[in-house]
Structure formats: structure tokens, C-alpha cells
Amino acid sequence: MTRCTSALANPRPRFIYFLAILATIALGLLTRRYPQILPAALGKYPGDALWALMVFLGFGFCFRCAPTGLVALAAFAFSVSIEVTQLYHAPWIDSIRATLPGRLILGSGFALGDIAAYAVGIFIGGAAEFAFLRPLKNKNAGPS
């Protein structure tokens, strides 16, 4: 096993992150398909938060030793950049957005509220990492 030189004692476990990505995608699709399972006041924001959580997990999967804060910052920057691209409308990109995969990945219309939802999803991912990976770091560090 590769040792990390960052705040994480060991690399993020890819298999766990892969499963978490799949679960997050499934949950996000479920909230879009059956929005009535959540309070109507939340609107589409749970799906947006889950999308950003999936991005966070994807960055964590790819950059196994990067500090959690850096992964969160990269995921947030990526998410916001995708949101900003929704201000651009040309026939070629709108035709991609008209497909289900295009709409799920690229979105369809810019909304400031989505950015707040992305922050919530990424915060949840970072908090989960601290809750679950920090104890592993302390356990693997052994006695001082």
C-alpha cells in the first residue's frame, strides 16, 4: 500500500469511493425520478447537492492522497465552472443538454441556488471524510 505524505495517513480506498460514487448516483437519480420522497420545499436542490458530492468523491477517487480541503476546493471549482457554462447557449451544446446524460452532467440553466447546493454536497463529503478517514489515520499511526 502506498503511503501518503499529505494529511491522510493512507490513500483513500478506491473501492469504497467507487461504491460511494455509485450509491450517490443512484440516490441522485432516485431524487430526480421520485421528487415526492423529499419535502417539496427542497425542490431540486438535493439532486444538485448529490451531484456535487459525486464530483467530490470522484476527485477523491482520482487524487487519493490529496488533502480533503484541496479535494473539496477542486470539486467546488469544477461544479461552479459547470454551472457557469450553463450561461452559454449554442446549438451544439444545447443539443447535448437536450439528452438525458447531457442534462444530468451539464445541467440546463444557470441558477445561483445550485451553487449553494453544491457547497452543501461537498461539505457533506468533506465532513464524512474527516469522520471516517481521520479515525483510520489515528488507528494506523500506532502508539506515539
N, C-alpha and C. Protein backbone atom coordinates (compact mmCIF):
# COMPACT_ATOMS: atom_id res chain seq x y z
N MET A 1 0.85 -1.18 0.00
CA MET A 1 0.00 0.00 0.00
C MET A 1 0.89 1.24 0.00
N THR A 2 0.55 2.17 -0.85
CA THR A 2 1.29 3.43 -0.94
C THR A 2 0.99 4.30 0.26
N ARG A 3 2.02 4.89 0.82
CA ARG A 3 1.83 5.82 1.94
C ARG A 3 1.67 7.22 1.37
N CYS A 4 0.79 7.97 1.97
CA CYS A 4 0.57 9.35 1.56
C CYS A 4 1.44 10.27 2.39
N THR A 5 1.87 11.35 1.78
CA THR A 5 2.64 12.34 2.50
C THR A 5 1.76 13.52 2.93
N SER A 6 0.47 13.45 2.61
CA SER A 6 -0.44 14.54 2.98
C SER A 6 -1.04 14.26 4.35
N ALA A 7 -2.13 14.95 4.65
CA ALA A 7 -2.81 14.80 5.94
C ALA A 7 -3.39 13.40 6.11
N LEU A 8 -3.60 12.68 5.02
CA LEU A 8 -4.12 11.32 5.12
C LEU A 8 -2.96 10.36 5.32
N ALA A 9 -3.08 9.46 6.27
CA ALA A 9 -2.01 8.51 6.53
C ALA A 9 -1.90 7.48 5.41
N ASN A 10 -3.03 7.13 4.83
CA ASN A 10 -3.08 6.15 3.75
C ASN A 10 -3.91 6.72 2.61
N PRO A 11 -3.70 6.20 1.41
CA PRO A 11 -4.52 6.67 0.30
C PRO A 11 -6.00 6.38 0.55
N ARG A 12 -6.85 7.20 -0.03
CA ARG A 12 -8.29 6.94 0.05
C ARG A 12 -8.55 5.58 -0.59
N PRO A 13 -9.39 4.78 0.03
CA PRO A 13 -9.67 3.44 -0.52
C PRO A 13 -10.55 3.54 -1.77
N ARG A 14 -9.98 3.26 -2.92
CA ARG A 14 -10.69 3.43 -4.19
C ARG A 14 -11.96 2.61 -4.26
N PHE A 15 -11.93 1.39 -3.78
CA PHE A 15 -13.12 0.55 -3.86
C PHE A 15 -14.28 1.18 -3.09
N ILE A 16 -13.99 1.69 -1.91
CA ILE A 16 -15.02 2.34 -1.09
C ILE A 16 -15.54 3.59 -1.81
N TYR A 17 -14.64 4.36 -2.38
CA TYR A 17 -15.05 5.57 -3.10
C TYR A 17 -15.87 5.22 -4.33
N PHE A 18 -15.49 4.16 -5.02
CA PHE A 18 -16.26 3.70 -6.18
C PHE A 18 -17.68 3.33 -5.77
N LEU A 19 -17.80 2.58 -4.68
CA LEU A 19 -19.14 2.22 -4.19
C LEU A 19 -19.92 3.45 -3.76
N ALA A 20 -19.24 4.40 -3.12
CA ALA A 20 -19.92 5.62 -2.69
C ALA A 20 -20.38 6.45 -3.89
N ILE A 21 -19.58 6.48 -4.94
CA ILE A 21 -19.98 7.19 -6.16
C ILE A 21 -21.23 6.54 -6.75
N LEU A 22 -21.23 5.22 -6.85
CA LEU A 22 -22.41 4.51 -7.40
C LEU A 22 -23.64 4.76 -6.54
N ALA A 23 -23.49 4.70 -5.23
CA ALA A 23 -24.62 4.94 -4.33
C ALA A 23 -25.13 6.37 -4.45
N THR A 24 -24.22 7.32 -4.58
CA THR A 24 -24.61 8.73 -4.72
C THR A 24 -25.34 8.96 -6.03
N ILE A 25 -24.86 8.36 -7.11
CA ILE A 25 -25.55 8.47 -8.40
C ILE A 25 -26.95 7.88 -8.29
N ALA A 26 -27.04 6.70 -7.70
CA ALA A 26 -28.36 6.05 -7.57
C ALA A 26 -29.31 6.91 -6.74
N LEU A 27 -28.83 7.45 -5.64
CA LEU A 27 -29.66 8.29 -4.79
C LEU A 27 -30.06 9.58 -5.51
N GLY A 28 -29.13 10.17 -6.25
CA GLY A 28 -29.43 11.38 -7.01
C GLY A 28 -30.48 11.13 -8.08
N LEU A 29 -30.35 10.02 -8.81
CA LEU A 29 -31.35 9.68 -9.82
C LEU A 29 -32.70 9.40 -9.17
N LEU A 30 -32.67 8.78 -8.02
CA LEU A 30 -33.91 8.49 -7.29
C LEU A 30 -34.61 9.79 -6.88
N THR A 31 -33.85 10.78 -6.42
CA THR A 31 -34.47 12.04 -6.02
C THR A 31 -35.03 12.81 -7.22
N ARG A 32 -34.45 12.60 -8.39
CA ARG A 32 -34.97 13.25 -9.60
C ARG A 32 -36.20 12.52 -10.14
N ARG A 33 -36.15 11.20 -10.06
CA ARG A 33 -37.27 10.39 -10.58
C ARG A 33 -38.50 10.45 -9.67
N TYR A 34 -38.25 10.47 -8.37
CA TYR A 34 -39.34 10.48 -7.38
C TYR A 34 -39.16 11.66 -6.43
N PRO A 35 -39.35 12.88 -6.92
CA PRO A 35 -39.12 14.05 -6.07
C PRO A 35 -40.06 14.10 -4.86
N GLN A 36 -41.16 13.38 -4.91
CA GLN A 36 -42.12 13.40 -3.81
C GLN A 36 -41.59 12.71 -2.55
N ILE A 37 -40.47 12.00 -2.64
CA ILE A 37 -39.94 11.34 -1.44
C ILE A 37 -39.29 12.34 -0.49
N LEU A 38 -39.04 13.55 -0.99
CA LEU A 38 -38.44 14.60 -0.17
C LEU A 38 -39.44 15.76 -0.03
N PRO A 39 -39.28 16.58 0.98
CA PRO A 39 -40.17 17.74 1.12
C PRO A 39 -40.11 18.63 -0.13
N ALA A 40 -41.26 19.07 -0.60
CA ALA A 40 -41.34 19.90 -1.80
C ALA A 40 -40.53 21.18 -1.66
N ALA A 41 -40.40 21.68 -0.43
CA ALA A 41 -39.66 22.93 -0.20
C ALA A 41 -38.19 22.81 -0.62
N LEU A 42 -37.66 21.59 -0.63
CA LEU A 42 -36.26 21.40 -1.02
C LEU A 42 -36.07 21.50 -2.53
N GLY A 43 -37.14 21.34 -3.28
CA GLY A 43 -37.06 21.44 -4.73
C GLY A 43 -36.08 20.44 -5.31
N LYS A 44 -35.30 20.92 -6.28
CA LYS A 44 -34.33 20.05 -6.94
C LYS A 44 -32.96 20.09 -6.28
N TYR A 45 -32.85 20.84 -5.19
CA TYR A 45 -31.54 21.03 -4.57
C TYR A 45 -30.89 19.77 -4.00
N PRO A 46 -31.64 18.82 -3.46
CA PRO A 46 -30.96 17.59 -3.02
C PRO A 46 -30.21 16.89 -4.16
N GLY A 47 -30.81 16.88 -5.35
CA GLY A 47 -30.13 16.29 -6.50
C GLY A 47 -28.86 17.05 -6.85
N ASP A 48 -28.90 18.38 -6.75
CA ASP A 48 -27.71 19.19 -7.02
C ASP A 48 -26.63 18.93 -5.97
N ALA A 49 -27.02 18.82 -4.72
CA ALA A 49 -26.05 18.54 -3.65
C ALA A 49 -25.43 17.16 -3.86
N LEU A 50 -26.24 16.19 -4.25
CA LEU A 50 -25.72 14.85 -4.51
C LEU A 50 -24.80 14.83 -5.72
N TRP A 51 -25.11 15.65 -6.74
CA TRP A 51 -24.24 15.74 -7.92
C TRP A 51 -22.86 16.24 -7.49
N ALA A 52 -22.83 17.28 -6.67
CA ALA A 52 -21.56 17.84 -6.21
C ALA A 52 -20.83 16.85 -5.29
N LEU A 53 -21.58 16.13 -4.47
CA LEU A 53 -20.97 15.09 -3.64
C LEU A 53 -20.30 14.04 -4.52
N MET A 54 -20.97 13.67 -5.61
CA MET A 54 -20.39 12.70 -6.55
C MET A 54 -19.10 13.25 -7.16
N VAL A 55 -19.09 14.54 -7.48
CA VAL A 55 -17.87 15.17 -8.00
C VAL A 55 -16.76 15.11 -6.95
N PHE A 56 -17.08 15.43 -5.71
CA PHE A 56 -16.11 15.36 -4.61
C PHE A 56 -15.54 13.94 -4.49
N LEU A 57 -16.42 12.97 -4.51
CA LEU A 57 -15.97 11.58 -4.41
C LEU A 57 -15.11 11.18 -5.60
N GLY A 58 -15.47 11.68 -6.78
CA GLY A 58 -14.67 11.40 -7.98
C GLY A 58 -13.27 11.98 -7.89
N PHE A 59 -13.17 13.21 -7.40
CA PHE A 59 -11.85 13.82 -7.20
C PHE A 59 -11.08 13.05 -6.13
N GLY A 60 -11.76 12.64 -5.07
CA GLY A 60 -11.10 11.85 -4.03
C GLY A 60 -10.62 10.51 -4.57
N PHE A 61 -11.40 9.91 -5.44
CA PHE A 61 -11.03 8.64 -6.08
C PHE A 61 -9.76 8.82 -6.92
N CYS A 62 -9.71 9.91 -7.68
CA CYS A 62 -8.57 10.14 -8.57
C CYS A 62 -7.32 10.63 -7.84
N PHE A 63 -7.51 11.48 -6.84
CA PHE A 63 -6.38 12.07 -6.13
C PHE A 63 -6.38 11.53 -4.70
N ARG A 64 -5.94 10.30 -4.58
CA ARG A 64 -6.08 9.52 -3.36
C ARG A 64 -5.36 10.10 -2.15
N CYS A 65 -4.29 10.83 -2.37
CA CYS A 65 -3.50 11.34 -1.25
C CYS A 65 -3.67 12.84 -1.03
N ALA A 66 -4.45 13.49 -1.86
CA ALA A 66 -4.62 14.95 -1.73
C ALA A 66 -5.37 15.27 -0.44
N PRO A 67 -5.03 16.37 0.20
CA PRO A 67 -5.75 16.77 1.41
C PRO A 67 -7.23 17.00 1.11
N THR A 68 -8.06 16.72 2.09
CA THR A 68 -9.51 16.85 1.94
C THR A 68 -9.90 18.25 1.49
N GLY A 69 -9.28 19.27 2.06
CA GLY A 69 -9.60 20.64 1.69
C GLY A 69 -9.32 20.93 0.22
N LEU A 70 -8.22 20.39 -0.29
CA LEU A 70 -7.88 20.59 -1.69
C LEU A 70 -8.86 19.86 -2.60
N VAL A 71 -9.24 18.65 -2.21
CA VAL A 71 -10.23 17.89 -2.98
C VAL A 71 -11.56 18.65 -2.99
N ALA A 72 -11.95 19.18 -1.84
CA ALA A 72 -13.20 19.94 -1.75
C ALA A 72 -13.14 21.20 -2.61
N LEU A 73 -12.03 21.91 -2.56
CA LEU A 73 -11.88 23.12 -3.36
C LEU A 73 -11.93 22.81 -4.85
N ALA A 74 -11.24 21.75 -5.27
CA ALA A 74 -11.25 21.36 -6.68
C ALA A 74 -12.66 20.95 -7.12
N ALA A 75 -13.36 20.19 -6.28
CA ALA A 75 -14.72 19.76 -6.61
C ALA A 75 -15.66 20.96 -6.71
N PHE A 76 -15.50 21.92 -5.80
CA PHE A 76 -16.35 23.11 -5.84
C PHE A 76 -16.06 23.94 -7.09
N ALA A 77 -14.78 24.14 -7.40
CA ALA A 77 -14.41 24.90 -8.60
C ALA A 77 -14.95 24.23 -9.86
N PHE A 78 -14.83 22.92 -9.94
CA PHE A 78 -15.36 22.18 -11.09
C PHE A 78 -16.87 22.34 -11.18
N SER A 79 -17.56 22.17 -10.05
CA SER A 79 -19.02 22.27 -10.03
C SER A 79 -19.50 23.66 -10.45
N VAL A 80 -18.85 24.68 -9.92
CA VAL A 80 -19.23 26.05 -10.28
C VAL A 80 -18.93 26.31 -11.75
N SER A 81 -17.82 25.79 -12.25
CA SER A 81 -17.50 26.01 -13.66
C SER A 81 -18.54 25.36 -14.57
N ILE A 82 -19.03 24.18 -14.20
CA ILE A 82 -20.10 23.54 -14.98
C ILE A 82 -21.35 24.41 -14.92
N GLU A 83 -21.66 24.96 -13.75
CA GLU A 83 -22.85 25.81 -13.61
C GLU A 83 -22.71 27.06 -14.49
N VAL A 84 -21.54 27.66 -14.49
CA VAL A 84 -21.33 28.87 -15.28
C VAL A 84 -21.45 28.58 -16.78
N THR A 85 -21.02 27.40 -17.21
CA THR A 85 -21.15 27.07 -18.64
C THR A 85 -22.62 27.03 -19.08
N GLN A 86 -23.52 26.92 -18.12
CA GLN A 86 -24.94 26.90 -18.48
C GLN A 86 -25.43 28.27 -18.95
N LEU A 87 -24.61 29.29 -18.78
CA LEU A 87 -24.94 30.61 -19.33
C LEU A 87 -24.68 30.66 -20.83
N TYR A 88 -23.88 29.74 -21.32
CA TYR A 88 -23.54 29.69 -22.74
C TYR A 88 -24.54 28.80 -23.47
N HIS A 89 -25.12 29.35 -24.52
CA HIS A 89 -26.08 28.58 -25.31
C HIS A 89 -25.70 28.66 -26.78
N ALA A 90 -25.40 27.52 -27.32
CA ALA A 90 -25.15 27.38 -28.75
C ALA A 90 -25.86 26.08 -29.16
N PRO A 91 -26.23 25.97 -30.41
CA PRO A 91 -26.97 24.77 -30.82
C PRO A 91 -26.26 23.46 -30.48
N TRP A 92 -24.94 23.43 -30.65
CA TRP A 92 -24.23 22.17 -30.42
C TRP A 92 -24.30 21.75 -28.95
N ILE A 93 -24.11 22.68 -28.02
CA ILE A 93 -24.12 22.29 -26.60
C ILE A 93 -25.55 22.12 -26.09
N ASP A 94 -26.47 22.90 -26.62
CA ASP A 94 -27.86 22.73 -26.23
C ASP A 94 -28.41 21.39 -26.71
N SER A 95 -27.89 20.89 -27.84
CA SER A 95 -28.33 19.57 -28.31
C SER A 95 -27.80 18.47 -27.38
N ILE A 96 -26.62 18.69 -26.81
CA ILE A 96 -26.09 17.73 -25.82
C ILE A 96 -26.92 17.81 -24.55
N ARG A 97 -27.22 19.03 -24.12
CA ARG A 97 -28.02 19.21 -22.91
C ARG A 97 -29.44 18.67 -23.05
N ALA A 98 -29.91 18.53 -24.28
CA ALA A 98 -31.26 18.02 -24.52
C ALA A 98 -31.36 16.51 -24.28
N THR A 99 -30.20 15.83 -24.20
CA THR A 99 -30.21 14.40 -23.92
C THR A 99 -30.20 14.19 -22.41
N LEU A 100 -30.66 13.04 -21.95
CA LEU A 100 -30.66 12.76 -20.51
C LEU A 100 -29.25 12.81 -19.91
N PRO A 101 -28.27 12.12 -20.51
CA PRO A 101 -26.91 12.21 -19.93
C PRO A 101 -26.37 13.64 -19.95
N GLY A 102 -26.63 14.38 -21.02
CA GLY A 102 -26.17 15.76 -21.11
C GLY A 102 -26.79 16.63 -20.05
N ARG A 103 -28.08 16.45 -19.81
CA ARG A 103 -28.78 17.24 -18.79
C ARG A 103 -28.28 16.87 -17.40
N LEU A 104 -28.04 15.59 -17.15
CA LEU A 104 -27.56 15.16 -15.83
C LEU A 104 -26.14 15.64 -15.55
N ILE A 105 -25.32 15.68 -16.57
CA ILE A 105 -23.91 16.05 -16.37
C ILE A 105 -23.71 17.56 -16.48
N LEU A 106 -24.29 18.17 -17.51
CA LEU A 106 -24.04 19.58 -17.78
C LEU A 106 -25.11 20.52 -17.27
N GLY A 107 -26.27 19.98 -16.90
CA GLY A 107 -27.37 20.84 -16.47
C GLY A 107 -27.99 21.54 -17.66
N SER A 108 -28.92 22.43 -17.36
CA SER A 108 -29.60 23.09 -18.48
C SER A 108 -29.73 24.59 -18.30
N GLY A 109 -29.78 25.08 -17.09
CA GLY A 109 -29.95 26.52 -16.88
C GLY A 109 -29.23 26.98 -15.63
N PHE A 110 -28.60 28.14 -15.71
CA PHE A 110 -27.84 28.67 -14.60
C PHE A 110 -28.77 29.09 -13.46
N ALA A 111 -28.40 28.75 -12.23
CA ALA A 111 -29.15 29.17 -11.05
C ALA A 111 -28.17 29.32 -9.88
N LEU A 112 -28.18 30.49 -9.25
CA LEU A 112 -27.29 30.73 -8.12
C LEU A 112 -27.55 29.74 -6.98
N GLY A 113 -28.80 29.36 -6.78
CA GLY A 113 -29.13 28.42 -5.71
C GLY A 113 -28.42 27.09 -5.87
N ASP A 114 -28.14 26.71 -7.12
CA ASP A 114 -27.43 25.45 -7.35
C ASP A 114 -26.04 25.49 -6.74
N ILE A 115 -25.40 26.65 -6.78
CA ILE A 115 -24.05 26.78 -6.23
C ILE A 115 -24.06 26.54 -4.72
N ALA A 116 -25.09 27.05 -4.05
CA ALA A 116 -25.22 26.78 -2.61
C ALA A 116 -25.43 25.29 -2.36
N ALA A 117 -26.23 24.65 -3.20
CA ALA A 117 -26.45 23.21 -3.05
C ALA A 117 -25.15 22.44 -3.28
N TYR A 118 -24.33 22.89 -4.23
CA TYR A 118 -23.04 22.23 -4.45
C TYR A 118 -22.17 22.34 -3.20
N ALA A 119 -22.18 23.51 -2.59
CA ALA A 119 -21.37 23.71 -1.37
C ALA A 119 -21.83 22.76 -0.27
N VAL A 120 -23.13 22.58 -0.14
CA VAL A 120 -23.66 21.66 0.88
C VAL A 120 -23.22 20.23 0.59
N GLY A 121 -23.35 19.78 -0.66
CA GLY A 121 -22.94 18.42 -1.01
C GLY A 121 -21.47 18.17 -0.77
N ILE A 122 -20.64 19.13 -1.13
CA ILE A 122 -19.19 18.99 -0.95
C ILE A 122 -18.84 19.05 0.53
N PHE A 123 -19.52 19.89 1.28
CA PHE A 123 -19.30 19.94 2.73
C PHE A 123 -19.62 18.58 3.35
N ILE A 124 -20.71 17.96 2.94
CA ILE A 124 -21.08 16.64 3.46
C ILE A 124 -19.98 15.62 3.14
N GLY A 125 -19.45 15.67 1.93
CA GLY A 125 -18.35 14.77 1.56
C GLY A 125 -17.12 14.99 2.41
N GLY A 126 -16.75 16.26 2.60
CA GLY A 126 -15.58 16.57 3.42
C GLY A 126 -15.77 16.16 4.87
N ALA A 127 -16.97 16.41 5.39
CA ALA A 127 -17.26 16.02 6.78
C ALA A 127 -17.21 14.51 6.94
N ALA A 128 -17.73 13.79 5.96
CA ALA A 128 -17.70 12.33 6.01
C ALA A 128 -16.26 11.83 5.96
N GLU A 129 -15.43 12.48 5.15
CA GLU A 129 -14.03 12.08 5.09
C GLU A 129 -13.35 12.28 6.43
N PHE A 130 -13.57 13.42 7.04
CA PHE A 130 -12.97 13.66 8.35
C PHE A 130 -13.50 12.66 9.38
N ALA A 131 -14.78 12.34 9.31
CA ALA A 131 -15.37 11.42 10.29
C ALA A 131 -14.87 10.00 10.11
N PHE A 132 -14.65 9.58 8.86
CA PHE A 132 -14.31 8.18 8.62
C PHE A 132 -12.84 7.94 8.32
N LEU A 133 -12.16 8.88 7.67
CA LEU A 133 -10.75 8.64 7.35
C LEU A 133 -9.81 9.10 8.44
N ARG A 134 -10.17 10.12 9.20
CA ARG A 134 -9.32 10.55 10.31
C ARG A 134 -9.15 9.44 11.35
N PRO A 135 -10.25 8.75 11.73
CA PRO A 135 -10.05 7.64 12.67
C PRO A 135 -9.12 6.56 12.12
N LEU A 136 -9.17 6.32 10.80
CA LEU A 136 -8.26 5.34 10.20
C LEU A 136 -6.82 5.81 10.31
N LYS A 137 -6.60 7.11 10.12
CA LYS A 137 -5.25 7.67 10.23
C LYS A 137 -4.72 7.47 11.63
N ASN A 138 -5.54 7.78 12.63
CA ASN A 138 -5.09 7.62 14.01
C ASN A 138 -4.88 6.17 14.36
N LYS A 139 -5.73 5.28 13.84
CA LYS A 139 -5.60 3.85 14.11
C LYS A 139 -4.32 3.30 13.48
N ASN A 140 -4.00 3.75 12.24
CA ASN A 140 -2.83 3.25 11.54
C ASN A 140 -1.53 3.87 12.04
N ALA A 141 -1.63 5.00 12.73
CA ALA A 141 -0.44 5.68 13.21
C ALA A 141 0.23 4.90 14.35
N GLY A 142 -0.55 4.14 15.06
CA GLY A 142 0.00 3.36 16.16
C GLY A 142 0.29 4.24 17.36
N PRO A 143 0.86 3.64 18.42
CA PRO A 143 1.16 4.42 19.63
C PRO A 143 2.29 5.41 19.39
N SER A 144 2.22 6.54 20.06
CA SER A 144 3.25 7.58 19.89
C SER A 144 4.36 7.37 20.88
